[in-house]
Amino acid sequence: MTIDLRSDTVTKPSKAMLEAMMQAKVGDDVFREDETVNQLETRIASMFGKPSALFFPSGTMANQTALKLHTSPGDQIICDKYAHIYNYESGGASFNSGVSCKLIDGHRGMFTAEQVVESINPDAYYYSPTRLVEIENTANRGGGSCWDFAEILKIKKICDEKYLGFHLDGARIWNALVVKNETPKQYGEVFDTISVCLSKGLGCPVGSVLVGDEAIMKNAIRIRKVFGGNMRQAGYLAAAGLYALDNNRDRLKEDHKKAKQIGEQLSKLSIIKTVEAIETNIVIFELDKDVNEKAFIQKLKDKNIHIIGMGTNKLRIVTHLDYTDAMHEKFIKILQMLQF
């Protein structure tokens, strides 16, 4: 039995999802004639209370399109130092949009409205114009941390006062909604653009969707084309998204429960220095300084358990829908008997 806990992106479509995909009604989406893609876009736009949505092959492309829609070359984006758009999108902000990032030293990937105010550049020609504030919910490198919606509203007020765009990287927003008992429309009312991922916690093989206000989204399909993201009979992929929305959202709480149980067991090990607070499906923990990170990963790998290293003796575990109860029971037992 192989247990892969590197990410919630390692899941494979279930039999029922595959059946839904094979039954999709498709057409040429470049001509906007794919019935299933149109259905998915309409549904997610409605969920978030937005007038427009566009299907993308990846969350990175959806985020990068949003950045380009909000900015011009030479502009500046405010985001956390842990932000996915800064750390894990291959320098796309500078490469694709010619913008720089003002990094906030937040807490677990989250920052305050006061920090946003401090980060806005003065209105002088020798500064980059600040145009956009970006947040990530849940925050990946923050250990799947969930934002306080009250703080989001404070940041929104600043964005309105300073005429700044507000973008949400909602790759794992579905996890946050379950934990915080919030609704997509609450977020749609606040953000100008939101990217949501279907291939992480919801278990789809491919796909993200960018939603937004009509004025800013009118150029999104052209930017997607520039980035090489236009697809033809994409309804087979969109059908997976529709299936996931119907069947895989409520069960996210199971992933969260298992993650917390893993964290509880890790905290009992003498070789573990700290386990960060666990809210959703991501567990980040730090080994004692005299424990070798690569050796620890290899010891688990020898037992067919795969996790990921983050450097500086920090490691990450991510639970997901393909991580079964049997796998969970086995992993907990292995941790209980782990000697190093």
C-alpha atoms as a PDB file:
ATOM      1  CA  MET A   1       0.000   0.000   0.000  1.00  0.00           C
ATOM      2  CA  THR A   2       1.511   3.307  -1.137  1.00  0.00           C
ATOM      3  CA  ILE A   3       0.470   6.359   0.847  1.00  0.00           C
ATOM      4  CA  ASP A   4       1.060   9.615  -1.019  1.00  0.00           C
ATOM      5  CA  LEU A   5       0.681  12.682   1.177  1.00  0.00           C
ATOM      6  CA  ARG A   6       2.818  15.094  -0.823  1.00  0.00           C
ATOM      7  CA  SER A   7      -0.187  17.125  -1.991  1.00  0.00           C
ATOM      8  CA  ASP A   8      -3.912  17.024  -2.589  1.00  0.00           C
ATOM      9  CA  THR A   9      -3.084  17.232  -6.303  1.00  0.00           C
ATOM     10  CA  VAL A  10      -2.068  13.551  -6.458  1.00  0.00           C
ATOM     11  CA  THR A  11      -5.643  12.267  -6.518  1.00  0.00           C
ATOM     12  CA  LYS A  12      -7.078  10.360  -9.471  1.00  0.00           C
ATOM     13  CA  PRO A  13     -10.646  10.635 -10.786  1.00  0.00           C
ATOM     14  CA  SER A  14     -13.062   8.190  -9.198  1.00  0.00           C
ATOM     15  CA  LYS A  15     -15.072   5.796 -11.338  1.00  0.00           C
ATOM     16  CA  ALA A  16     -18.154   7.976 -10.909  1.00  0.00           C
ATOM     17  CA  MET A  17     -16.229  11.098 -11.933  1.00  0.00           C
ATOM     18  CA  LEU A  18     -14.859   9.330 -15.012  1.00  0.00           C
ATOM     19  CA  GLU A  19     -18.371   8.281 -15.974  1.00  0.00           C
ATOM     20  CA  ALA A  20     -19.548  11.867 -15.673  1.00  0.00           C
ATOM     21  CA  MET A  21     -16.649  12.993 -17.851  1.00  0.00           C
ATOM     22  CA  MET A  22     -17.437  10.453 -20.567  1.00  0.00           C
ATOM     23  CA  GLN A  23     -21.066  11.545 -20.669  1.00  0.00           C
ATOM     24  CA  ALA A  24     -20.225  15.245 -21.151  1.00  0.00           C
ATOM     25  CA  LYS A  25     -21.775  17.170 -24.018  1.00  0.00           C
ATOM     26  CA  VAL A  26     -18.905  18.945 -25.705  1.00  0.00           C
ATOM     27  CA  GLY A  27     -18.167  21.432 -28.441  1.00  0.00           C
ATOM     28  CA  ASP A  28     -15.407  23.797 -29.508  1.00  0.00           C
ATOM     29  CA  ASP A  29     -14.776  26.050 -26.531  1.00  0.00           C
ATOM     30  CA  VAL A  30     -12.682  28.485 -28.585  1.00  0.00           C
ATOM     31  CA  PHE A  31     -15.980  29.252 -30.341  1.00  0.00           C
ATOM     32  CA  ARG A  32     -17.617  29.196 -26.851  1.00  0.00           C
ATOM     33  CA  GLU A  33     -19.695  26.222 -28.001  1.00  0.00           C
ATOM     34  CA  ASP A  34     -18.809  23.664 -25.329  1.00  0.00           C
ATOM     35  CA  GLU A  35     -22.032  23.152 -23.416  1.00  0.00           C
ATOM     36  CA  THR A  36     -20.411  21.623 -20.343  1.00  0.00           C
ATOM     37  CA  VAL A  37     -17.726  24.306 -20.033  1.00  0.00           C
ATOM     38  CA  ASN A  38     -20.411  26.967 -20.289  1.00  0.00           C
ATOM     39  CA  GLN A  39     -22.424  25.172 -17.612  1.00  0.00           C
ATOM     40  CA  LEU A  40     -19.448  25.010 -15.239  1.00  0.00           C
ATOM     41  CA  GLU A  41     -18.562  28.673 -15.755  1.00  0.00           C
ATOM     42  CA  THR A  42     -22.159  29.762 -15.229  1.00  0.00           C
ATOM     43  CA  ARG A  43     -22.499  27.681 -12.098  1.00  0.00           C
ATOM     44  CA  ILE A  44     -19.318  28.910 -10.420  1.00  0.00           C
ATOM     45  CA  ALA A  45     -20.024  32.524 -11.384  1.00  0.00           C
ATOM     46  CA  SER A  46     -23.455  32.162  -9.782  1.00  0.00           C
ATOM     47  CA  MET A  47     -22.003  30.537  -6.658  1.00  0.00           C
ATOM     48  CA  PHE A  48     -19.763  33.560  -6.076  1.00  0.00           C
ATOM     49  CA  GLY A  49     -22.356  36.079  -7.234  1.00  0.00           C
ATOM     50  CA  LYS A  50     -20.170  37.247 -10.102  1.00  0.00           C
ATOM     51  CA  PRO A  51     -21.286  38.002 -13.664  1.00  0.00           C
ATOM     52  CA  SER A  52     -18.361  36.308 -15.390  1.00  0.00           C
ATOM     53  CA  ALA A  53     -16.242  33.153 -15.101  1.00  0.00           C
ATOM     54  CA  LEU A  54     -13.636  31.494 -17.313  1.00  0.00           C
ATOM     55  CA  PHE A  55     -12.294  27.925 -17.203  1.00  0.00           C
ATOM     56  CA  PHE A  56      -8.499  27.475 -17.133  1.00  0.00           C
ATOM     57  CA  PRO A  57      -6.225  24.436 -17.355  1.00  0.00           C
ATOM     58  CA  SER A  58      -4.371  25.482 -14.189  1.00  0.00           C
ATOM     59  CA  GLY A  59      -4.584  27.678 -11.130  1.00  0.00           C
ATOM     60  CA  THR A  60      -1.296  29.328 -12.024  1.00  0.00           C
ATOM     61  CA  MET A  61      -2.675  30.446 -15.381  1.00  0.00           C
ATOM     62  CA  ALA A  62      -5.848  31.731 -13.731  1.00  0.00           C
ATOM     63  CA  ASN A  63      -3.802  33.724 -11.205  1.00  0.00           C
ATOM     64  CA  GLN A  64      -1.428  35.044 -13.838  1.00  0.00           C
ATOM     65  CA  THR A  65      -4.333  36.162 -15.983  1.00  0.00           C
ATOM     66  CA  ALA A  66      -5.836  38.003 -13.018  1.00  0.00           C
ATOM     67  CA  LEU A  67      -2.553  39.792 -12.324  1.00  0.00           C
ATOM     68  CA  LYS A  68      -2.329  40.926 -15.936  1.00  0.00           C
ATOM     69  CA  LEU A  69      -5.930  42.110 -15.958  1.00  0.00           C
ATOM     70  CA  HIS A  70      -5.339  44.245 -12.868  1.00  0.00           C
ATOM     71  CA  THR A  71      -1.967  45.759 -13.755  1.00  0.00           C
ATOM     72  CA  SER A  72       0.313  47.354 -16.325  1.00  0.00           C
ATOM     73  CA  PRO A  73       4.093  46.822 -16.651  1.00  0.00           C
ATOM     74  CA  GLY A  74       5.954  48.642 -13.893  1.00  0.00           C
ATOM     75  CA  ASP A  75       3.123  48.364 -11.382  1.00  0.00           C
ATOM     76  CA  GLN A  76       3.425  46.773  -7.964  1.00  0.00           C
ATOM     77  CA  ILE A  77       1.395  44.044  -6.257  1.00  0.00           C
ATOM     78  CA  ILE A  78       1.069  43.683  -2.493  1.00  0.00           C
ATOM     79  CA  CYS A  79       1.109  40.077  -1.254  1.00  0.00           C
ATOM     80  CA  ASP A  80       2.443  37.944   1.584  1.00  0.00           C
ATOM     81  CA  LYS A  81       6.017  36.664   1.509  1.00  0.00           C
ATOM     82  CA  TYR A  82       4.568  33.122   1.405  1.00  0.00           C
ATOM     83  CA  ALA A  83       2.220  33.872  -1.518  1.00  0.00           C
ATOM     84  CA  HIS A  84       1.901  31.217  -4.212  1.00  0.00           C
ATOM     85  CA  ILE A  85       1.974  33.892  -6.928  1.00  0.00           C
ATOM     86  CA  TYR A  86       5.419  34.940  -5.707  1.00  0.00           C
ATOM     87  CA  ASN A  87       7.009  31.632  -4.665  1.00  0.00           C
ATOM     88  CA  TYR A  88       5.544  28.943  -6.911  1.00  0.00           C
ATOM     89  CA  GLU A  89       4.544  30.465 -10.240  1.00  0.00           C
ATOM     90  CA  SER A  90       8.004  30.566 -11.812  1.00  0.00           C
ATOM     91  CA  GLY A  91       8.401  34.325 -11.620  1.00  0.00           C
ATOM     92  CA  GLY A  92       5.292  34.723 -13.743  1.00  0.00           C
ATOM     93  CA  ALA A  93       4.298  38.057 -12.206  1.00  0.00           C
ATOM     94  CA  SER A  94       7.439  39.703 -13.566  1.00  0.00           C
ATOM     95  CA  PHE A  95       7.692  37.592 -16.734  1.00  0.00           C
ATOM     96  CA  ASN A  96       4.077  37.868 -17.863  1.00  0.00           C
ATOM     97  CA  SER A  97       2.981  41.220 -16.467  1.00  0.00           C
ATOM     98  CA  GLY A  98       6.203  43.113 -15.789  1.00  0.00           C
ATOM     99  CA  VAL A  99       5.204  43.849 -12.206  1.00  0.00           C
ATOM    100  CA  SER A 100       7.029  43.672  -8.894  1.00  0.00           C
ATOM    101  CA  CYS A 101       5.789  42.285  -5.589  1.00  0.00           C
ATOM    102  CA  LYS A 102       5.824  44.147  -2.299  1.00  0.00           C
ATOM    103  CA  LEU A 103       6.133  41.304   0.202  1.00  0.00           C
ATOM    104  CA  ILE A 104       4.455  41.577   3.578  1.00  0.00           C
ATOM    105  CA  ASP A 105       5.945  39.684   6.507  1.00  0.00           C
ATOM    106  CA  GLY A 106       2.642  38.249   7.668  1.00  0.00           C
ATOM    107  CA  HIS A 107       1.672  35.506  10.094  1.00  0.00           C
ATOM    108  CA  ARG A 108       1.268  32.055   8.519  1.00  0.00           C
ATOM    109  CA  GLY A 109       0.685  33.601   5.097  1.00  0.00           C
ATOM    110  CA  MET A 110      -1.817  36.201   6.327  1.00  0.00           C
ATOM    111  CA  PHE A 111      -1.413  39.913   7.022  1.00  0.00           C
ATOM    112  CA  THR A 112      -3.390  42.825   8.423  1.00  0.00           C
ATOM    113  CA  ALA A 113      -5.067  45.860   6.918  1.00  0.00           C
ATOM    114  CA  GLU A 114      -2.542  48.030   8.747  1.00  0.00           C
ATOM    115  CA  GLN A 115       0.308  46.212   6.999  1.00  0.00           C
ATOM    116  CA  VAL A 116      -1.381  46.866   3.660  1.00  0.00           C
ATOM    117  CA  VAL A 117      -1.509  50.601   4.381  1.00  0.00           C
ATOM    118  CA  GLU A 118       2.189  50.560   5.259  1.00  0.00           C
ATOM    119  CA  SER A 119       3.006  48.769   1.996  1.00  0.00           C
ATOM    120  CA  ILE A 120       1.265  51.131  -0.429  1.00  0.00           C
ATOM    121  CA  ASN A 121       3.833  53.174  -2.335  1.00  0.00           C
ATOM    122  CA  PRO A 122       3.739  56.986  -2.241  1.00  0.00           C
ATOM    123  CA  ASP A 123       2.300  58.723  -5.287  1.00  0.00           C
ATOM    124  CA  ALA A 124       5.590  59.833  -6.785  1.00  0.00           C
ATOM    125  CA  TYR A 125       7.033  59.110 -10.228  1.00  0.00           C
ATOM    126  CA  TYR A 126      10.083  57.288  -8.828  1.00  0.00           C
ATOM    127  CA  TYR A 127       7.937  54.654  -7.093  1.00  0.00           C
ATOM    128  CA  SER A 128       6.145  51.735  -8.710  1.00  0.00           C
ATOM    129  CA  PRO A 129       2.406  52.461  -8.657  1.00  0.00           C
ATOM    130  CA  THR A 130       0.638  50.100  -6.252  1.00  0.00           C
ATOM    131  CA  ARG A 131      -2.310  48.594  -8.137  1.00  0.00           C
ATOM    132  CA  LEU A 132      -3.344  45.318  -6.533  1.00  0.00           C
ATOM    133  CA  VAL A 133      -3.606  43.520  -3.202  1.00  0.00           C
ATOM    134  CA  GLU A 134      -3.537  39.726  -3.397  1.00  0.00           C
ATOM    135  CA  ILE A 135      -4.329  37.213  -0.675  1.00  0.00           C
ATOM    136  CA  GLU A 136      -4.343  33.401  -0.596  1.00  0.00           C
ATOM    137  CA  ASN A 137      -7.027  31.471   1.273  1.00  0.00           C
ATOM    138  CA  THR A 138      -6.228  28.966   2.540  1.00  0.00           C
ATOM    139  CA  ALA A 139      -2.555  29.929   2.761  1.00  0.00           C
ATOM    140  CA  ASN A 140      -0.517  26.949   1.564  1.00  0.00           C
ATOM    141  CA  ARG A 141       2.814  27.751   3.211  1.00  0.00           C
ATOM    142  CA  GLY A 142       0.932  28.962   6.246  1.00  0.00           C
ATOM    143  CA  GLY A 143      -0.172  25.370   6.826  1.00  0.00           C
ATOM    144  CA  GLY A 144      -3.613  25.624   5.251  1.00  0.00           C
ATOM    145  CA  SER A 145      -4.441  28.612   7.449  1.00  0.00           C
ATOM    146  CA  CYS A 146      -7.786  30.378   7.055  1.00  0.00           C
ATOM    147  CA  TRP A 147      -8.188  34.146   6.938  1.00  0.00           C
ATOM    148  CA  ASP A 148     -10.379  36.054   9.374  1.00  0.00           C
ATOM    149  CA  PHE A 149     -13.137  37.453   7.149  1.00  0.00           C
ATOM    150  CA  ALA A 150     -13.355  40.576   9.291  1.00  0.00           C
ATOM    151  CA  GLU A 151      -9.738  41.365   8.378  1.00  0.00           C
ATOM    152  CA  ILE A 152     -10.509  40.761   4.699  1.00  0.00           C
ATOM    153  CA  LEU A 153     -13.284  43.358   4.932  1.00  0.00           C
ATOM    154  CA  LYS A 154     -10.855  45.860   6.458  1.00  0.00           C
ATOM    155  CA  ILE A 155      -8.429  45.289   3.580  1.00  0.00           C
ATOM    156  CA  LYS A 156     -11.263  45.695   1.089  1.00  0.00           C
ATOM    157  CA  LYS A 157     -12.090  49.102   2.585  1.00  0.00           C
ATOM    158  CA  ILE A 158      -8.489  50.198   2.040  1.00  0.00           C
ATOM    159  CA  CYS A 159      -8.541  48.902  -1.538  1.00  0.00           C
ATOM    160  CA  ASP A 160     -11.677  50.928  -2.238  1.00  0.00           C
ATOM    161  CA  GLU A 161     -10.230  54.071  -0.652  1.00  0.00           C
ATOM    162  CA  LYS A 162      -6.941  53.752  -2.551  1.00  0.00           C
ATOM    163  CA  TYR A 163      -8.467  52.511  -5.845  1.00  0.00           C
ATOM    164  CA  LEU A 164      -6.621  49.190  -5.659  1.00  0.00           C
ATOM    165  CA  GLY A 165      -7.734  45.899  -7.152  1.00  0.00           C
ATOM    166  CA  PHE A 166      -8.338  42.957  -4.807  1.00  0.00           C
ATOM    167  CA  HIS A 167      -7.592  39.404  -5.979  1.00  0.00           C
ATOM    168  CA  LEU A 168      -8.104  36.136  -4.120  1.00  0.00           C
ATOM    169  CA  ASP A 169      -6.009  33.089  -4.903  1.00  0.00           C
ATOM    170  CA  GLY A 170      -8.670  30.665  -3.769  1.00  0.00           C
ATOM    171  CA  ALA A 171      -6.877  27.469  -4.726  1.00  0.00           C
ATOM    172  CA  ARG A 172      -8.151  25.912  -1.497  1.00  0.00           C
ATOM    173  CA  ILE A 173     -11.051  28.255  -0.800  1.00  0.00           C
ATOM    174  CA  TRP A 174     -13.351  25.215  -0.612  1.00  0.00           C
ATOM    175  CA  ASN A 175     -11.447  24.055   2.500  1.00  0.00           C
ATOM    176  CA  ALA A 176     -11.740  27.487   4.091  1.00  0.00           C
ATOM    177  CA  LEU A 177     -15.473  27.682   3.407  1.00  0.00           C
ATOM    178  CA  VAL A 178     -16.044  24.363   5.175  1.00  0.00           C
ATOM    179  CA  VAL A 179     -13.991  25.322   8.238  1.00  0.00           C
ATOM    180  CA  LYS A 180     -15.277  28.871   8.623  1.00  0.00           C
ATOM    181  CA  ASN A 181     -18.865  28.098   7.643  1.00  0.00           C
ATOM    182  CA  GLU A 182     -18.769  30.888   5.072  1.00  0.00           C
ATOM    183  CA  THR A 183     -20.325  31.132   1.614  1.00  0.00           C
ATOM    184  CA  PRO A 184     -18.838  31.767  -1.843  1.00  0.00           C
ATOM    185  CA  LYS A 185     -21.064  34.834  -2.237  1.00  0.00           C
ATOM    186  CA  GLN A 186     -19.476  36.452   0.815  1.00  0.00           C
ATOM    187  CA  TYR A 187     -16.171  36.338  -1.047  1.00  0.00           C
ATOM    188  CA  GLY A 188     -17.699  37.367  -4.346  1.00  0.00           C
ATOM    189  CA  GLU A 189     -18.998  40.542  -2.734  1.00  0.00           C
ATOM    190  CA  VAL A 190     -15.496  41.513  -1.594  1.00  0.00           C
ATOM    191  CA  PHE A 191     -13.024  40.531  -4.305  1.00  0.00           C
ATOM    192  CA  ASP A 192     -12.740  41.879  -7.848  1.00  0.00           C
ATOM    193  CA  THR A 193     -11.339  38.558  -9.083  1.00  0.00           C
ATOM    194  CA  ILE A 194     -11.148  35.091  -7.549  1.00  0.00           C
ATOM    195  CA  SER A 195      -9.374  31.979  -8.830  1.00  0.00           C
ATOM    196  CA  VAL A 196     -10.728  28.657  -7.571  1.00  0.00           C
ATOM    197  CA  CYS A 197      -9.072  25.291  -8.095  1.00  0.00           C
ATOM    198  CA  LEU A 198     -10.879  22.060  -8.917  1.00  0.00           C
ATOM    199  CA  SER A 199      -7.840  19.768  -8.983  1.00  0.00           C
ATOM    200  CA  LYS A 200      -6.809  20.026  -5.330  1.00  0.00           C
ATOM    201  CA  GLY A 201      -9.283  19.200  -2.563  1.00  0.00           C
ATOM    202  CA  LEU A 202     -12.110  18.509  -5.003  1.00  0.00           C
ATOM    203  CA  GLY A 203     -10.163  15.775  -6.781  1.00  0.00           C
ATOM    204  CA  CYS A 204     -10.468  16.766 -10.445  1.00  0.00           C
ATOM    205  CA  PRO A 205      -7.678  15.806 -12.855  1.00  0.00           C
ATOM    206  CA  VAL A 206      -7.378  19.324 -14.314  1.00  0.00           C
ATOM    207  CA  GLY A 207      -8.872  22.742 -13.984  1.00  0.00           C
ATOM    208  CA  SER A 208      -9.356  26.084 -12.279  1.00  0.00           C
ATOM    209  CA  VAL A 209     -11.884  28.850 -12.804  1.00  0.00           C
ATOM    210  CA  LEU A 210     -11.399  32.618 -12.636  1.00  0.00           C
ATOM    211  CA  VAL A 211     -14.454  34.635 -11.644  1.00  0.00           C
ATOM    212  CA  GLY A 212     -14.774  38.380 -11.574  1.00  0.00           C
ATOM    213  CA  ASP A 213     -16.644  41.561 -12.255  1.00  0.00           C
ATOM    214  CA  GLU A 214     -17.668  42.125 -15.844  1.00  0.00           C
ATOM    215  CA  ALA A 215     -15.483  45.149 -16.544  1.00  0.00           C
ATOM    216  CA  ILE A 216     -12.216  43.490 -15.534  1.00  0.00           C
ATOM    217  CA  MET A 217     -13.070  40.069 -16.986  1.00  0.00           C
ATOM    218  CA  LYS A 218     -13.913  41.299 -20.483  1.00  0.00           C
ATOM    219  CA  ASN A 219     -10.296  40.802 -21.582  1.00  0.00           C
ATOM    220  CA  ALA A 220      -9.702  37.531 -19.711  1.00  0.00           C
ATOM    221  CA  ILE A 221     -10.303  35.233 -22.666  1.00  0.00           C
ATOM    222  CA  ARG A 222      -7.770  37.124 -24.780  1.00  0.00           C
ATOM    223  CA  ILE A 223      -5.138  36.864 -22.042  1.00  0.00           C
ATOM    224  CA  ARG A 224      -5.892  33.154 -21.705  1.00  0.00           C
ATOM    225  CA  LYS A 225      -5.283  32.845 -25.443  1.00  0.00           C
ATOM    226  CA  VAL A 226      -1.987  34.734 -25.177  1.00  0.00           C
ATOM    227  CA  PHE A 227      -0.905  32.337 -22.431  1.00  0.00           C
ATOM    228  CA  GLY A 228      -1.802  29.342 -24.606  1.00  0.00           C
ATOM    229  CA  GLY A 229      -4.708  28.294 -22.422  1.00  0.00           C
ATOM    230  CA  ASN A 230      -7.554  28.093 -24.910  1.00  0.00           C
ATOM    231  CA  MET A 231      -8.889  24.551 -25.274  1.00  0.00           C
ATOM    232  CA  ARG A 232     -11.289  22.845 -27.660  1.00  0.00           C
ATOM    233  CA  GLN A 233     -13.546  20.035 -26.347  1.00  0.00           C
ATOM    234  CA  ALA A 234     -12.747  20.925 -22.749  1.00  0.00           C
ATOM    235  CA  GLY A 235     -16.148  19.808 -21.526  1.00  0.00           C
ATOM    236  CA  TYR A 236     -14.742  16.412 -20.595  1.00  0.00           C
ATOM    237  CA  LEU A 237     -12.640  18.232 -17.993  1.00  0.00           C
ATOM    238  CA  ALA A 238     -15.387  20.637 -17.002  1.00  0.00           C
ATOM    239  CA  ALA A 239     -17.698  17.694 -16.317  1.00  0.00           C
ATOM    240  CA  ALA A 240     -15.265  16.535 -13.640  1.00  0.00           C
ATOM    241  CA  GLY A 241     -15.600  19.945 -12.037  1.00  0.00           C
ATOM    242  CA  LEU A 242     -19.390  19.778 -12.022  1.00  0.00           C
ATOM    243  CA  TYR A 243     -19.272  16.313 -10.488  1.00  0.00           C
ATOM    244  CA  ALA A 244     -16.815  17.503  -7.816  1.00  0.00           C
ATOM    245  CA  LEU A 245     -18.991  20.461  -6.857  1.00  0.00           C
ATOM    246  CA  ASP A 246     -21.909  18.102  -6.315  1.00  0.00           C
ATOM    247  CA  ASN A 247     -20.061  15.314  -4.516  1.00  0.00           C
ATOM    248  CA  ASN A 248     -16.676  16.325  -3.093  1.00  0.00           C
ATOM    249  CA  ARG A 249     -17.127  19.549  -1.132  1.00  0.00           C
ATOM    250  CA  ASP A 250     -18.807  18.395   2.063  1.00  0.00           C
ATOM    251  CA  ARG A 251     -16.365  15.527   2.521  1.00  0.00           C
ATOM    252  CA  LEU A 252     -13.448  17.968   2.901  1.00  0.00           C
ATOM    253  CA  LYS A 253     -14.115  17.919   6.636  1.00  0.00           C
ATOM    254  CA  GLU A 254     -12.884  14.308   6.626  1.00  0.00           C
ATOM    255  CA  ASP A 255      -9.505  15.463   5.293  1.00  0.00           C
ATOM    256  CA  HIS A 256      -9.341  18.117   7.989  1.00  0.00           C
ATOM    257  CA  LYS A 257     -10.089  15.588  10.720  1.00  0.00           C
ATOM    258  CA  LYS A 258      -7.361  13.230   9.530  1.00  0.00           C
ATOM    259  CA  ALA A 259      -4.852  16.067   9.276  1.00  0.00           C
ATOM    260  CA  LYS A 260      -5.478  17.022  12.888  1.00  0.00           C
ATOM    261  CA  GLN A 261      -5.055  13.415  14.012  1.00  0.00           C
ATOM    262  CA  ILE A 262      -1.734  13.207  12.159  1.00  0.00           C
ATOM    263  CA  GLY A 263      -0.647  16.438  13.828  1.00  0.00           C
ATOM    264  CA  GLU A 264      -1.564  15.098  17.260  1.00  0.00           C
ATOM    265  CA  GLN A 265       0.557  12.016  16.689  1.00  0.00           C
ATOM    266  CA  LEU A 266       3.498  14.000  15.323  1.00  0.00           C
ATOM    267  CA  SER A 267       3.462  16.251  18.379  1.00  0.00           C
ATOM    268  CA  LYS A 268       4.090  13.192  20.571  1.00  0.00           C
ATOM    269  CA  LEU A 269       7.367  12.353  18.800  1.00  0.00           C
ATOM    270  CA  SER A 270      10.521  13.504  20.557  1.00  0.00           C
ATOM    271  CA  ILE A 271      12.227  14.293  17.234  1.00  0.00           C
ATOM    272  CA  ILE A 272       9.554  16.848  16.277  1.00  0.00           C
ATOM    273  CA  LYS A 273      10.303  20.409  17.347  1.00  0.00           C
ATOM    274  CA  THR A 274       6.937  21.971  16.448  1.00  0.00           C
ATOM    275  CA  VAL A 275       3.699  21.205  14.647  1.00  0.00           C
ATOM    276  CA  GLU A 276       1.994  24.291  13.273  1.00  0.00           C
ATOM    277  CA  ALA A 277      -1.676  24.903  14.032  1.00  0.00           C
ATOM    278  CA  ILE A 278      -3.872  22.734  11.793  1.00  0.00           C
ATOM    279  CA  GLU A 279      -7.124  24.163  10.453  1.00  0.00           C
ATOM    280  CA  THR A 280      -7.631  22.338   7.183  1.00  0.00           C
ATOM    281  CA  ASN A 281      -5.863  19.534   5.297  1.00  0.00           C
ATOM    282  CA  ILE A 282      -2.244  20.700   5.500  1.00  0.00           C
ATOM    283  CA  VAL A 283       0.186  19.687   8.247  1.00  0.00           C
ATOM    284  CA  ILE A 284       3.489  21.551   8.495  1.00  0.00           C
ATOM    285  CA  PHE A 285       5.959  20.414  11.109  1.00  0.00           C
ATOM    286  CA  GLU A 286       9.596  21.048  11.983  1.00  0.00           C
ATOM    287  CA  LEU A 287      12.165  18.442  12.965  1.00  0.00           C
ATOM    288  CA  ASP A 288      14.669  18.953  15.748  1.00  0.00           C
ATOM    289  CA  LYS A 289      17.875  20.511  14.486  1.00  0.00           C
ATOM    290  CA  ASP A 290      19.864  17.282  14.936  1.00  0.00           C
ATOM    291  CA  VAL A 291      17.446  15.276  12.734  1.00  0.00           C
ATOM    292  CA  ASN A 292      18.256  15.176   9.029  1.00  0.00           C
ATOM    293  CA  GLU A 293      15.278  16.175   6.883  1.00  0.00           C
ATOM    294  CA  LYS A 294      16.228  14.003   3.900  1.00  0.00           C
ATOM    295  CA  ALA A 295      16.855  10.993   6.111  1.00  0.00           C
ATOM    296  CA  PHE A 296      13.443  11.425   7.747  1.00  0.00           C
ATOM    297  CA  ILE A 297      11.718  11.594   4.360  1.00  0.00           C
ATOM    298  CA  GLN A 298      13.625   8.519   3.184  1.00  0.00           C
ATOM    299  CA  LYS A 299      12.685   6.546   6.302  1.00  0.00           C
ATOM    300  CA  LEU A 300       9.006   7.126   5.516  1.00  0.00           C
ATOM    301  CA  LYS A 301       9.586   6.448   1.830  1.00  0.00           C
ATOM    302  CA  ASP A 302      11.061   3.059   2.725  1.00  0.00           C
ATOM    303  CA  LYS A 303       7.644   2.306   4.227  1.00  0.00           C
ATOM    304  CA  ASN A 304       5.860   3.493   1.047  1.00  0.00           C
ATOM    305  CA  ILE A 305       4.835   6.793   2.610  1.00  0.00           C
ATOM    306  CA  HIS A 306       5.582   9.937   0.611  1.00  0.00           C
ATOM    307  CA  ILE A 307       5.691  13.441   2.057  1.00  0.00           C
ATOM    308  CA  ILE A 308       7.423  16.612   0.920  1.00  0.00           C
ATOM    309  CA  GLY A 309      10.259  18.681   2.377  1.00  0.00           C
ATOM    310  CA  MET A 310      10.084  22.469   2.525  1.00  0.00           C
ATOM    311  CA  GLY A 311      13.689  23.133   3.532  1.00  0.00           C
ATOM    312  CA  THR A 312      15.216  24.214   6.858  1.00  0.00           C
ATOM    313  CA  ASN A 313      13.954  20.988   8.476  1.00  0.00           C
ATOM    314  CA  LYS A 314      10.299  21.798   7.780  1.00  0.00           C
ATOM    315  CA  LEU A 315       8.075  19.186   6.134  1.00  0.00           C
ATOM    316  CA  ARG A 316       4.541  19.092   4.772  1.00  0.00           C
ATOM    317  CA  ILE A 317       1.771  16.503   4.773  1.00  0.00           C
ATOM    318  CA  VAL A 318      -1.469  17.021   2.853  1.00  0.00           C
ATOM    319  CA  THR A 319      -4.553  14.832   3.273  1.00  0.00           C
ATOM    320  CA  HIS A 320      -6.980  14.282   0.396  1.00  0.00           C
ATOM    321  CA  LEU A 321      -9.870  12.173  -0.867  1.00  0.00           C
ATOM    322  CA  ASP A 322      -7.622   9.315  -2.046  1.00  0.00           C
ATOM    323  CA  TYR A 323      -6.138   9.008   1.443  1.00  0.00           C
ATOM    324  CA  THR A 324      -8.393   6.275   2.768  1.00  0.00           C
ATOM    325  CA  ASP A 325      -9.299   5.284   6.314  1.00  0.00           C
ATOM    326  CA  ALA A 326      -7.115   2.185   5.944  1.00  0.00           C
ATOM    327  CA  MET A 327      -4.163   4.308   4.849  1.00  0.00           C
ATOM    328  CA  HIS A 328      -4.750   6.673   7.726  1.00  0.00           C
ATOM    329  CA  GLU A 329      -4.803   3.863  10.271  1.00  0.00           C
ATOM    330  CA  LYS A 330      -1.581   2.429   8.864  1.00  0.00           C
ATOM    331  CA  PHE A 331       0.183   5.794   8.825  1.00  0.00           C
ATOM    332  CA  ILE A 332      -0.773   6.568  12.431  1.00  0.00           C
ATOM    333  CA  LYS A 333       0.575   3.189  13.542  1.00  0.00           C
ATOM    334  CA  ILE A 334       3.834   3.783  11.667  1.00  0.00           C
ATOM    335  CA  LEU A 335       4.230   7.167  13.367  1.00  0.00           C
ATOM    336  CA  GLN A 336       3.580   5.572  16.749  1.00  0.00           C
ATOM    337  CA  MET A 337       6.373   3.074  16.182  1.00  0.00           C
ATOM    338  CA  LEU A 338       8.743   5.424  14.392  1.00  0.00           C
ATOM    339  CA  GLN A 339      12.264   5.369  15.759  1.00  0.00           C
ATOM    340  CA  PHE A 340      15.057   7.621  14.618  1.00  0.00           C
END
